[in-house]
Amino acid sequence: MATLVMRNRAYLVAVKAEDDILALHTLHLADEVRDPQEEVPDLPGKPKLTERELKTAKQLIEALATRWDPAKCHDVYQERVHKLVESKRNGETVEKAEEAPGAAPR
């Protein structure tokens, strides 16, 4: 589990070794998960699966599954924005953050 900052936004990711590279899989926080049928109404229906395909898929999922509670993770970026808004609402002075370093030379 790690945090990746991209485009001034922090993302929760799972770092996984795949062959000779490290792969990042973006994870979603609990409040970001939506019902796909509501978002994309023309999704195709359930596919027809054979019993063998279903059994193989279940075995693969069980072999790779680990315990993870998304409620334990939180969006640090969103927390900072809320804190900044509250500070401004209370009339506190908010100092401007330092300029982010530029991209590395190629």
PDB file of N, CA and C in Angstrom:
ATOM      1  N   MET A   1       0.852  -1.158   0.000  1.00  0.00           N
ATOM      2  CA  MET A   1       0.000   0.000   0.000  1.00  0.00           C
ATOM      3  C   MET A   1       0.898   1.221   0.000  1.00  0.00           C
ATOM      4  N   ALA A   2       0.531   2.214  -0.807  1.00  0.00           N
ATOM      5  CA  ALA A   2       1.343   3.424  -0.894  1.00  0.00           C
ATOM      6  C   ALA A   2       0.460   4.576  -1.348  1.00  0.00           C
ATOM      7  N   THR A   3       1.033   5.774  -1.296  1.00  0.00           N
ATOM      8  CA  THR A   3       0.370   6.961  -1.808  1.00  0.00           C
ATOM      9  C   THR A   3       1.181   7.460  -2.991  1.00  0.00           C
ATOM     10  N   LEU A   4       0.498   7.748  -4.082  1.00  0.00           N
ATOM     11  CA  LEU A   4       1.132   8.281  -5.289  1.00  0.00           C
ATOM     12  C   LEU A   4       0.574   9.671  -5.522  1.00  0.00           C
ATOM     13  N   VAL A   5       1.444  10.652  -5.703  1.00  0.00           N
ATOM     14  CA  VAL A   5       0.988  12.007  -5.997  1.00  0.00           C
ATOM     15  C   VAL A   5       1.175  12.237  -7.486  1.00  0.00           C
ATOM     16  N   MET A   6       0.058  12.576  -8.146  1.00  0.00           N
ATOM     17  CA  MET A   6       0.080  12.816  -9.590  1.00  0.00           C
ATOM     18  C   MET A   6      -0.909  13.944  -9.879  1.00  0.00           C
ATOM     19  N   ARG A   7      -0.481  14.924 -10.651  1.00  0.00           N
ATOM     20  CA  ARG A   7      -1.312  16.078 -10.976  1.00  0.00           C
ATOM     21  C   ARG A   7      -1.837  16.770  -9.706  1.00  0.00           C
ATOM     22  N   ASN A   8      -0.953  16.968  -8.745  1.00  0.00           N
ATOM     23  CA  ASN A   8      -1.271  17.641  -7.479  1.00  0.00           C
ATOM     24  C   ASN A   8      -2.371  16.947  -6.691  1.00  0.00           C
ATOM     25  N   ARG A   9      -2.517  15.659  -6.840  1.00  0.00           N
ATOM     26  CA  ARG A   9      -3.544  14.879  -6.125  1.00  0.00           C
ATOM     27  C   ARG A   9      -2.898  13.600  -5.632  1.00  0.00           C
ATOM     28  N   ALA A  10      -3.228  13.204  -4.415  1.00  0.00           N
ATOM     29  CA  ALA A  10      -2.689  11.968  -3.848  1.00  0.00           C
ATOM     30  C   ALA A  10      -3.651  10.822  -4.139  1.00  0.00           C
ATOM     31  N   TYR A  11      -3.118   9.694  -4.563  1.00  0.00           N
ATOM     32  CA  TYR A  11      -3.908   8.509  -4.873  1.00  0.00           C
ATOM     33  C   TYR A  11      -3.425   7.346  -4.024  1.00  0.00           C
ATOM     34  N   LEU A  12      -4.358   6.528  -3.572  1.00  0.00           N
ATOM     35  CA  LEU A  12      -4.032   5.322  -2.845  1.00  0.00           C
ATOM     36  C   LEU A  12      -3.743   4.235  -3.875  1.00  0.00           C
ATOM     37  N   VAL A  13      -2.590   3.578  -3.769  1.00  0.00           N
ATOM     38  CA  VAL A  13      -2.214   2.558  -4.742  1.00  0.00           C
ATOM     39  C   VAL A  13      -1.685   1.314  -4.042  1.00  0.00           C
ATOM     40  N   ALA A  14      -1.787   0.215  -4.745  1.00  0.00           N
ATOM     41  CA  ALA A  14      -1.175  -1.032  -4.302  1.00  0.00           C
ATOM     42  C   ALA A  14       0.051  -1.255  -5.176  1.00  0.00           C
ATOM     43  N   VAL A  15       1.191  -1.452  -4.563  1.00  0.00           N
ATOM     44  CA  VAL A  15       2.429  -1.706  -5.294  1.00  0.00           C
ATOM     45  C   VAL A  15       2.612  -3.213  -5.349  1.00  0.00           C
ATOM     46  N   LYS A  16       2.814  -3.723  -6.559  1.00  0.00           N
ATOM     47  CA  LYS A  16       2.876  -5.167  -6.741  1.00  0.00           C
ATOM     48  C   LYS A  16       4.026  -5.511  -7.688  1.00  0.00           C
ATOM     49  N   ALA A  17       4.808  -6.509  -7.331  1.00  0.00           N
ATOM     50  CA  ALA A  17       5.889  -6.963  -8.203  1.00  0.00           C
ATOM     51  C   ALA A  17       5.305  -7.875  -9.275  1.00  0.00           C
ATOM     52  N   GLU A  18       5.548  -7.520 -10.528  1.00  0.00           N
ATOM     53  CA  GLU A  18       5.097  -8.335 -11.655  1.00  0.00           C
ATOM     54  C   GLU A  18       6.308  -8.574 -12.556  1.00  0.00           C
ATOM     55  N   ASP A  19       6.769  -9.787 -12.574  1.00  0.00           N
ATOM     56  CA  ASP A  19       7.979 -10.152 -13.310  1.00  0.00           C
ATOM     57  C   ASP A  19       9.131  -9.281 -12.836  1.00  0.00           C
ATOM     58  N   ASP A  20       9.699  -8.465 -13.724  1.00  0.00           N
ATOM     59  CA  ASP A  20      10.854  -7.660 -13.337  1.00  0.00           C
ATOM     60  C   ASP A  20      10.514  -6.177 -13.179  1.00  0.00           C
ATOM     61  N   ILE A  21       9.237  -5.851 -12.966  1.00  0.00           N
ATOM     62  CA  ILE A  21       8.834  -4.463 -12.769  1.00  0.00           C
ATOM     63  C   ILE A  21       7.936  -4.346 -11.540  1.00  0.00           C
ATOM     64  N   LEU A  22       7.783  -3.133 -11.053  1.00  0.00           N
ATOM     65  CA  LEU A  22       6.817  -2.842 -10.009  1.00  0.00           C
ATOM     66  C   LEU A  22       5.596  -2.214 -10.667  1.00  0.00           C
ATOM     67  N   ALA A  23       4.427  -2.735 -10.369  1.00  0.00           N
ATOM     68  CA  ALA A  23       3.187  -2.219 -10.945  1.00  0.00           C
ATOM     69  C   ALA A  23       2.396  -1.499  -9.862  1.00  0.00           C
ATOM     70  N   LEU A  24       1.747  -0.410 -10.245  1.00  0.00           N
ATOM     71  CA  LEU A  24       0.881   0.332  -9.336  1.00  0.00           C
ATOM     72  C   LEU A  24      -0.558   0.105  -9.765  1.00  0.00           C
ATOM     73  N   HIS A  25      -1.378  -0.268  -8.824  1.00  0.00           N
ATOM     74  CA  HIS A  25      -2.804  -0.439  -9.089  1.00  0.00           C
ATOM     75  C   HIS A  25      -3.542   0.605  -8.258  1.00  0.00           C
ATOM     76  N   THR A  26      -4.235   1.524  -8.926  1.00  0.00           N
ATOM     77  CA  THR A  26      -4.970   2.572  -8.230  1.00  0.00           C
ATOM     78  C   THR A  26      -6.160   1.967  -7.504  1.00  0.00           C
ATOM     79  N   LEU A  27      -6.292   2.306  -6.237  1.00  0.00           N
ATOM     80  CA  LEU A  27      -7.409   1.831  -5.421  1.00  0.00           C
ATOM     81  C   LEU A  27      -8.363   2.993  -5.174  1.00  0.00           C
ATOM     82  N   HIS A  28      -9.580   2.673  -4.876  1.00  0.00           N
ATOM     83  CA  HIS A  28     -10.568   3.709  -4.617  1.00  0.00           C
ATOM     84  C   HIS A  28     -10.934   3.725  -3.148  1.00  0.00           C
ATOM     85  N   LEU A  29     -11.127   4.907  -2.624  1.00  0.00           N
ATOM     86  CA  LEU A  29     -11.579   5.042  -1.254  1.00  0.00           C
ATOM     87  C   LEU A  29     -13.072   4.726  -1.207  1.00  0.00           C
ATOM     88  N   ALA A  30     -13.569   4.389  -0.048  1.00  0.00           N
ATOM     89  CA  ALA A  30     -14.957   3.929   0.090  1.00  0.00           C
ATOM     90  C   ALA A  30     -15.953   4.937  -0.472  1.00  0.00           C
ATOM     91  N   ASP A  31     -15.702   6.244  -0.299  1.00  0.00           N
ATOM     92  CA  ASP A  31     -16.662   7.238  -0.786  1.00  0.00           C
ATOM     93  C   ASP A  31     -16.577   7.462  -2.297  1.00  0.00           C
ATOM     94  N   GLU A  32     -15.617   6.847  -2.966  1.00  0.00           N
ATOM     95  CA  GLU A  32     -15.475   6.996  -4.413  1.00  0.00           C
ATOM     96  C   GLU A  32     -16.129   5.854  -5.202  1.00  0.00           C
ATOM     97  N   VAL A  33     -16.529   4.799  -4.526  1.00  0.00           N
ATOM     98  CA  VAL A  33     -17.087   3.634  -5.205  1.00  0.00           C
ATOM     99  C   VAL A  33     -18.545   3.919  -5.552  1.00  0.00           C
ATOM    100  N   ARG A  34     -18.885   3.730  -6.844  1.00  0.00           N
ATOM    101  CA  ARG A  34     -20.247   3.991  -7.313  1.00  0.00           C
ATOM    102  C   ARG A  34     -20.794   2.761  -8.016  1.00  0.00           C
ATOM    103  N   ASP A  35     -22.096   2.739  -8.196  1.00  0.00           N
ATOM    104  CA  ASP A  35     -22.766   1.649  -8.891  1.00  0.00           C
ATOM    105  C   ASP A  35     -22.581   1.849 -10.397  1.00  0.00           C
ATOM    106  N   PRO A  36     -21.929   0.905 -11.103  1.00  0.00           N
ATOM    107  CA  PRO A  36     -21.681   1.095 -12.527  1.00  0.00           C
ATOM    108  C   PRO A  36     -22.964   1.201 -13.350  1.00  0.00           C
ATOM    109  N   GLN A  37     -24.026   0.519 -12.940  1.00  0.00           N
ATOM    110  CA  GLN A  37     -25.287   0.580 -13.692  1.00  0.00           C
ATOM    111  C   GLN A  37     -25.879   1.991 -13.659  1.00  0.00           C
ATOM    112  N   GLU A  38     -25.664   2.715 -12.566  1.00  0.00           N
ATOM    113  CA  GLU A  38     -26.164   4.089 -12.477  1.00  0.00           C
ATOM    114  C   GLU A  38     -25.315   5.041 -13.317  1.00  0.00           C
ATOM    115  N   GLU A  39     -24.019   4.778 -13.412  1.00  0.00           N
ATOM    116  CA  GLU A  39     -23.109   5.660 -14.134  1.00  0.00           C
ATOM    117  C   GLU A  39     -23.126   5.415 -15.640  1.00  0.00           C
ATOM    118  N   VAL A  40     -23.253   4.156 -16.045  1.00  0.00           N
ATOM    119  CA  VAL A  40     -23.246   3.785 -17.467  1.00  0.00           C
ATOM    120  C   VAL A  40     -24.477   2.901 -17.709  1.00  0.00           C
ATOM    121  N   PRO A  41     -25.580   3.510 -18.085  1.00  0.00           N
ATOM    122  CA  PRO A  41     -26.819   2.746 -18.181  1.00  0.00           C
ATOM    123  C   PRO A  41     -26.849   1.687 -19.284  1.00  0.00           C
ATOM    124  N   ASP A  42     -26.029   1.809 -20.314  1.00  0.00           N
ATOM    125  CA  ASP A  42     -26.071   0.839 -21.411  1.00  0.00           C
ATOM    126  C   ASP A  42     -25.009  -0.252 -21.287  1.00  0.00           C
ATOM    127  N   LEU A  43     -24.644  -0.603 -20.057  1.00  0.00           N
ATOM    128  CA  LEU A  43     -23.705  -1.701 -19.848  1.00  0.00           C
ATOM    129  C   LEU A  43     -24.348  -3.016 -20.283  1.00  0.00           C
ATOM    130  N   PRO A  44     -23.560  -3.918 -20.852  1.00  0.00           N
ATOM    131  CA  PRO A  44     -24.138  -5.214 -21.218  1.00  0.00           C
ATOM    132  C   PRO A  44     -24.534  -6.003 -19.973  1.00  0.00           C
ATOM    133  N   GLY A  45     -25.434  -6.946 -20.151  1.00  0.00           N
ATOM    134  CA  GLY A  45     -25.899  -7.768 -19.034  1.00  0.00           C
ATOM    135  C   GLY A  45     -24.835  -8.747 -18.572  1.00  0.00           C
ATOM    136  N   LYS A  46     -25.215  -9.633 -17.672  1.00  0.00           N
ATOM    137  CA  LYS A  46     -24.276 -10.619 -17.150  1.00  0.00           C
ATOM    138  C   LYS A  46     -23.879 -11.598 -18.250  1.00  0.00           C
ATOM    139  N   PRO A  47     -22.594 -11.926 -18.344  1.00  0.00           N
ATOM    140  CA  PRO A  47     -22.161 -12.900 -19.356  1.00  0.00           C
ATOM    141  C   PRO A  47     -22.546 -14.322 -18.950  1.00  0.00           C
ATOM    142  N   LYS A  48     -22.661 -15.194 -19.916  1.00  0.00           N
ATOM    143  CA  LYS A  48     -22.941 -16.608 -19.646  1.00  0.00           C
ATOM    144  C   LYS A  48     -21.609 -17.289 -19.344  1.00  0.00           C
ATOM    145  N   LEU A  49     -21.498 -17.855 -18.143  1.00  0.00           N
ATOM    146  CA  LEU A  49     -20.275 -18.533 -17.734  1.00  0.00           C
ATOM    147  C   LEU A  49     -20.550 -20.019 -17.544  1.00  0.00           C
ATOM    148  N   THR A  50     -19.552 -20.804 -17.914  1.00  0.00           N
ATOM    149  CA  THR A  50     -19.678 -22.234 -17.645  1.00  0.00           C
ATOM    150  C   THR A  50     -19.311 -22.468 -16.179  1.00  0.00           C
ATOM    151  N   GLU A  51     -19.713 -23.581 -15.647  1.00  0.00           N
ATOM    152  CA  GLU A  51     -19.411 -23.921 -14.257  1.00  0.00           C
ATOM    153  C   GLU A  51     -17.899 -23.992 -14.037  1.00  0.00           C
ATOM    154  N   ARG A  52     -17.186 -24.492 -15.031  1.00  0.00           N
ATOM    155  CA  ARG A  52     -15.724 -24.617 -14.935  1.00  0.00           C
ATOM    156  C   ARG A  52     -15.066 -23.238 -14.868  1.00  0.00           C
ATOM    157  N   GLU A  53     -15.528 -22.287 -15.700  1.00  0.00           N
ATOM    158  CA  GLU A  53     -14.971 -20.932 -15.685  1.00  0.00           C
ATOM    159  C   GLU A  53     -15.227 -20.261 -14.337  1.00  0.00           C
ATOM    160  N   LEU A  54     -16.414 -20.428 -13.825  1.00  0.00           N
ATOM    161  CA  LEU A  54     -16.767 -19.826 -12.546  1.00  0.00           C
ATOM    162  C   LEU A  54     -15.923 -20.407 -11.408  1.00  0.00           C
ATOM    163  N   LYS A  55     -15.727 -21.723 -11.415  1.00  0.00           N
ATOM    164  CA  LYS A  55     -14.926 -22.373 -10.384  1.00  0.00           C
ATOM    165  C   LYS A  55     -13.476 -21.893 -10.442  1.00  0.00           C
ATOM    166  N   THR A  56     -12.920 -21.788 -11.649  1.00  0.00           N
ATOM    167  CA  THR A  56     -11.539 -21.322 -11.826  1.00  0.00           C
ATOM    168  C   THR A  56     -11.398 -19.885 -11.345  1.00  0.00           C
ATOM    169  N   ALA A  57     -12.356 -19.028 -11.679  1.00  0.00           N
ATOM    170  CA  ALA A  57     -12.308 -17.631 -11.261  1.00  0.00           C
ATOM    171  C   ALA A  57     -12.354 -17.516  -9.740  1.00  0.00           C
ATOM    172  N   LYS A  58     -13.216 -18.295  -9.099  1.00  0.00           N
ATOM    173  CA  LYS A  58     -13.314 -18.263  -7.639  1.00  0.00           C
ATOM    174  C   LYS A  58     -12.009 -18.714  -6.993  1.00  0.00           C
ATOM    175  N   GLN A  59     -11.392 -19.770  -7.544  1.00  0.00           N
ATOM    176  CA  GLN A  59     -10.127 -20.258  -6.993  1.00  0.00           C
ATOM    177  C   GLN A  59      -9.035 -19.206  -7.129  1.00  0.00           C
ATOM    178  N   LEU A  60      -8.991 -18.520  -8.269  1.00  0.00           N
ATOM    179  CA  LEU A  60      -7.990 -17.478  -8.489  1.00  0.00           C
ATOM    180  C   LEU A  60      -8.193 -16.321  -7.513  1.00  0.00           C
ATOM    181  N   ILE A  61      -9.418 -15.897  -7.336  1.00  0.00           N
ATOM    182  CA  ILE A  61      -9.705 -14.799  -6.417  1.00  0.00           C
ATOM    183  C   ILE A  61      -9.344 -15.180  -4.991  1.00  0.00           C
ATOM    184  N   GLU A  62      -9.711 -16.371  -4.571  1.00  0.00           N
ATOM    185  CA  GLU A  62      -9.393 -16.819  -3.212  1.00  0.00           C
ATOM    186  C   GLU A  62      -7.885 -16.916  -2.995  1.00  0.00           C
ATOM    187  N   ALA A  63      -7.145 -17.330  -4.017  1.00  0.00           N
ATOM    188  CA  ALA A  63      -5.692 -17.460  -3.894  1.00  0.00           C
ATOM    189  C   ALA A  63      -5.015 -16.093  -3.769  1.00  0.00           C
ATOM    190  N   LEU A  64      -5.575 -15.067  -4.394  1.00  0.00           N
ATOM    191  CA  LEU A  64      -4.947 -13.745  -4.395  1.00  0.00           C
ATOM    192  C   LEU A  64      -5.533 -12.793  -3.356  1.00  0.00           C
ATOM    193  N   ALA A  65      -6.618 -13.170  -2.720  1.00  0.00           N
ATOM    194  CA  ALA A  65      -7.309 -12.266  -1.797  1.00  0.00           C
ATOM    195  C   ALA A  65      -6.543 -12.083  -0.493  1.00  0.00           C
ATOM    196  N   THR A  66      -6.600 -10.860   0.010  1.00  0.00           N
ATOM    197  CA  THR A  66      -6.059 -10.532   1.326  1.00  0.00           C
ATOM    198  C   THR A  66      -7.082  -9.644   2.033  1.00  0.00           C
ATOM    199  N   ARG A  67      -6.952  -9.559   3.339  1.00  0.00           N
ATOM    200  CA  ARG A  67      -7.872  -8.705   4.095  1.00  0.00           C
ATOM    201  C   ARG A  67      -7.471  -7.246   3.908  1.00  0.00           C
ATOM    202  N   TRP A  68      -8.448  -6.416   3.539  1.00  0.00           N
ATOM    203  CA  TRP A  68      -8.203  -4.989   3.373  1.00  0.00           C
ATOM    204  C   TRP A  68      -9.487  -4.256   3.665  1.00  0.00           C
ATOM    205  N   ASP A  69      -9.408  -3.254   4.517  1.00  0.00           N
ATOM    206  CA  ASP A  69     -10.576  -2.466   4.889  1.00  0.00           C
ATOM    207  C   ASP A  69     -10.389  -1.053   4.353  1.00  0.00           C
ATOM    208  N   PRO A  70     -11.105  -0.677   3.283  1.00  0.00           N
ATOM    209  CA  PRO A  70     -10.930   0.657   2.717  1.00  0.00           C
ATOM    210  C   PRO A  70     -11.306   1.771   3.684  1.00  0.00           C
ATOM    211  N   ALA A  71     -12.134   1.474   4.678  1.00  0.00           N
ATOM    212  CA  ALA A  71     -12.517   2.493   5.655  1.00  0.00           C
ATOM    213  C   ALA A  71     -11.315   2.930   6.498  1.00  0.00           C
ATOM    214  N   LYS A  72     -10.288   2.092   6.592  1.00  0.00           N
ATOM    215  CA  LYS A  72      -9.097   2.442   7.360  1.00  0.00           C
ATOM    216  C   LYS A  72      -8.213   3.437   6.607  1.00  0.00           C
ATOM    217  N   CYS A  73      -8.388   3.538   5.298  1.00  0.00           N
ATOM    218  CA  CYS A  73      -7.602   4.468   4.484  1.00  0.00           C
ATOM    219  C   CYS A  73      -8.362   5.782   4.371  1.00  0.00           C
ATOM    220  N   HIS A  74      -7.637   6.859   4.240  1.00  0.00           N
ATOM    221  CA  HIS A  74      -8.292   8.153   4.134  1.00  0.00           C
ATOM    222  C   HIS A  74      -7.576   9.015   3.101  1.00  0.00           C
ATOM    223  N   ASP A  75      -8.293   9.968   2.570  1.00  0.00           N
ATOM    224  CA  ASP A  75      -7.788  10.856   1.536  1.00  0.00           C
ATOM    225  C   ASP A  75      -7.108  12.043   2.211  1.00  0.00           C
ATOM    226  N   VAL A  76      -5.785  12.028   2.251  1.00  0.00           N
ATOM    227  CA  VAL A  76      -5.016  13.066   2.929  1.00  0.00           C
ATOM    228  C   VAL A  76      -5.199  14.406   2.232  1.00  0.00           C
ATOM    229  N   TYR A  77      -5.246  14.391   0.916  1.00  0.00           N
ATOM    230  CA  TYR A  77      -5.414  15.631   0.153  1.00  0.00           C
ATOM    231  C   TYR A  77      -6.733  16.298   0.529  1.00  0.00           C
ATOM    232  N   GLN A  78      -7.810  15.528   0.564  1.00  0.00           N
ATOM    233  CA  GLN A  78      -9.124  16.071   0.897  1.00  0.00           C
ATOM    234  C   GLN A  78      -9.126  16.614   2.329  1.00  0.00           C
ATOM    235  N   GLU A  79      -8.476  15.923   3.249  1.00  0.00           N
ATOM    236  CA  GLU A  79      -8.382  16.402   4.628  1.00  0.00           C
ATOM    237  C   GLU A  79      -7.659  17.741   4.700  1.00  0.00           C
ATOM    238  N   ARG A  80      -6.590  17.892   3.933  1.00  0.00           N
ATOM    239  CA  ARG A  80      -5.843  19.153   3.939  1.00  0.00           C
ATOM    240  C   ARG A  80      -6.679  20.297   3.377  1.00  0.00           C
ATOM    241  N   VAL A  81      -7.441  20.021   2.320  1.00  0.00           N
ATOM    242  CA  VAL A  81      -8.290  21.056   1.735  1.00  0.00           C
ATOM    243  C   VAL A  81      -9.358  21.486   2.739  1.00  0.00           C
ATOM    244  N   HIS A  82      -9.995  20.517   3.417  1.00  0.00           N
ATOM    245  CA  HIS A  82     -11.007  20.855   4.428  1.00  0.00           C
ATOM    246  C   HIS A  82     -10.393  21.678   5.567  1.00  0.00           C
ATOM    247  N   LYS A  83      -9.182  21.323   5.969  1.00  0.00           N
ATOM    248  CA  LYS A  83      -8.496  22.060   7.038  1.00  0.00           C
ATOM    249  C   LYS A  83      -8.215  23.492   6.592  1.00  0.00           C
ATOM    250  N   LEU A  84      -7.792  23.666   5.341  1.00  0.00           N
ATOM    251  CA  LEU A  84      -7.518  24.993   4.803  1.00  0.00           C
ATOM    252  C   LEU A  84      -8.797  25.826   4.757  1.00  0.00           C
ATOM    253  N   VAL A  85      -9.890  25.237   4.308  1.00  0.00           N
ATOM    254  CA  VAL A  85     -11.165  25.950   4.241  1.00  0.00           C
ATOM    255  C   VAL A  85     -11.615  26.373   5.635  1.00  0.00           C
ATOM    256  N   GLU A  86     -11.499  25.467   6.614  1.00  0.00           N
ATOM    257  CA  GLU A  86     -11.883  25.797   7.986  1.00  0.00           C
ATOM    258  C   GLU A  86     -11.019  26.919   8.551  1.00  0.00           C
ATOM    259  N   SER A  87      -9.729  26.886   8.247  1.00  0.00           N
ATOM    260  CA  SER A  87      -8.827  27.934   8.733  1.00  0.00           C
ATOM    261  C   SER A  87      -9.243  29.285   8.165  1.00  0.00           C
ATOM    262  N   LYS A  88      -9.553  29.316   6.878  1.00  0.00           N
ATOM    263  CA  LYS A  88      -9.973  30.572   6.253  1.00  0.00           C
ATOM    264  C   LYS A  88     -11.323  31.025   6.805  1.00  0.00           C
ATOM    265  N   ARG A  89     -12.222  30.074   7.030  1.00  0.00           N
ATOM    266  CA  ARG A  89     -13.541  30.404   7.570  1.00  0.00           C
ATOM    267  C   ARG A  89     -13.419  31.034   8.956  1.00  0.00           C
ATOM    268  N   ASN A  90     -12.447  30.567   9.747  1.00  0.00           N
ATOM    269  CA  ASN A  90     -12.229  31.083  11.103  1.00  0.00           C
ATOM    270  C   ASN A  90     -11.405  32.363  11.117  1.00  0.00           C
ATOM    271  N   GLY A  91     -11.045  32.860   9.936  1.00  0.00           N
ATOM    272  CA  GLY A  91     -10.309  34.114   9.849  1.00  0.00           C
ATOM    273  C   GLY A  91      -8.823  33.986  10.106  1.00  0.00           C
ATOM    274  N   GLU A  92      -8.305  32.767  10.144  1.00  0.00           N
ATOM    275  CA  GLU A  92      -6.879  32.570  10.365  1.00  0.00           C
ATOM    276  C   GLU A  92      -6.119  32.894   9.083  1.00  0.00           C
ATOM    277  N   THR A  93      -4.859  33.320   9.252  1.00  0.00           N
ATOM    278  CA  THR A  93      -4.045  33.577   8.071  1.00  0.00           C
ATOM    279  C   THR A  93      -3.479  32.248   7.575  1.00  0.00           C
ATOM    280  N   VAL A  94      -3.514  32.091   6.282  1.00  0.00           N
ATOM    281  CA  VAL A  94      -3.033  30.861   5.665  1.00  0.00           C
ATOM    282  C   VAL A  94      -1.823  31.218   4.820  1.00  0.00           C
ATOM    283  N   GLU A  95      -0.699  30.591   5.136  1.00  0.00           N
ATOM    284  CA  GLU A  95       0.512  30.870   4.391  1.00  0.00           C
ATOM    285  C   GLU A  95       0.542  30.050   3.120  1.00  0.00           C
ATOM    286  N   LYS A  96       1.049  30.674   2.069  1.00  0.00           N
ATOM    287  CA  LYS A  96       1.155  29.999   0.781  1.00  0.00           C
ATOM    288  C   LYS A  96       2.266  28.952   0.855  1.00  0.00           C
ATOM    289  N   ALA A  97       1.984  27.775   0.309  1.00  0.00           N
ATOM    290  CA  ALA A  97       2.981  26.698   0.316  1.00  0.00           C
ATOM    291  C   ALA A  97       4.133  27.050  -0.633  1.00  0.00           C
ATOM    292  N   GLU A  98       5.260  26.430  -0.377  1.00  0.00           N
ATOM    293  CA  GLU A  98       6.408  26.626  -1.264  1.00  0.00           C
ATOM    294  C   GLU A  98       6.098  26.089  -2.653  1.00  0.00           C
ATOM    295  N   GLU A  99       6.731  26.689  -3.639  1.00  0.00           N
ATOM    296  CA  GLU A  99       6.553  26.249  -5.024  1.00  0.00           C
ATOM    297  C   GLU A  99       7.081  24.826  -5.164  1.00  0.00           C
ATOM    298  N   ALA A 100       6.316  23.996  -5.852  1.00  0.00           N
ATOM    299  CA  ALA A 100       6.736  22.592  -6.069  1.00  0.00           C
ATOM    300  C   ALA A 100       7.947  22.578  -6.987  1.00  0.00           C
ATOM    301  N   PRO A 101       8.870  21.637  -6.762  1.00  0.00           N
ATOM    302  CA  PRO A 101      10.039  21.559  -7.643  1.00  0.00           C
ATOM    303  C   PRO A 101       9.620  21.200  -9.056  1.00  0.00           C
ATOM    304  N   GLY A 102      10.369  21.690 -10.015  1.00  0.00           N
ATOM    305  CA  GLY A 102      10.065  21.406 -11.419  1.00  0.00           C
ATOM    306  C   GLY A 102      10.407  19.985 -11.797  1.00  0.00           C
ATOM    307  N   ALA A 103      10.067  19.638 -13.012  1.00  0.00           N
ATOM    308  CA  ALA A 103      10.357  18.280 -13.499  1.00  0.00           C
ATOM    309  C   ALA A 103      11.867  18.099 -13.649  1.00  0.00           C
ATOM    310  N   ALA A 104      12.305  16.883 -13.482  1.00  0.00           N
ATOM    311  CA  ALA A 104      13.733  16.569 -13.629  1.00  0.00           C
ATOM    312  C   ALA A 104      14.138  16.746 -15.092  1.00  0.00           C
ATOM    313  N   PRO A 105      15.354  17.216 -15.337  1.00  0.00           N
ATOM    314  CA  PRO A 105      15.811  17.372 -16.727  1.00  0.00           C
ATOM    315  C   PRO A 105      15.919  16.033 -17.426  1.00  0.00           C
ATOM    316  N   ARG A 106      15.638  16.037 -18.696  1.00  0.00           N
ATOM    317  CA  ARG A 106      15.681  14.789 -19.455  1.00  0.00           C
ATOM    318  C   ARG A 106      16.999  14.594 -20.134  1.00  0.00           C
TER     319      ARG A 106
END
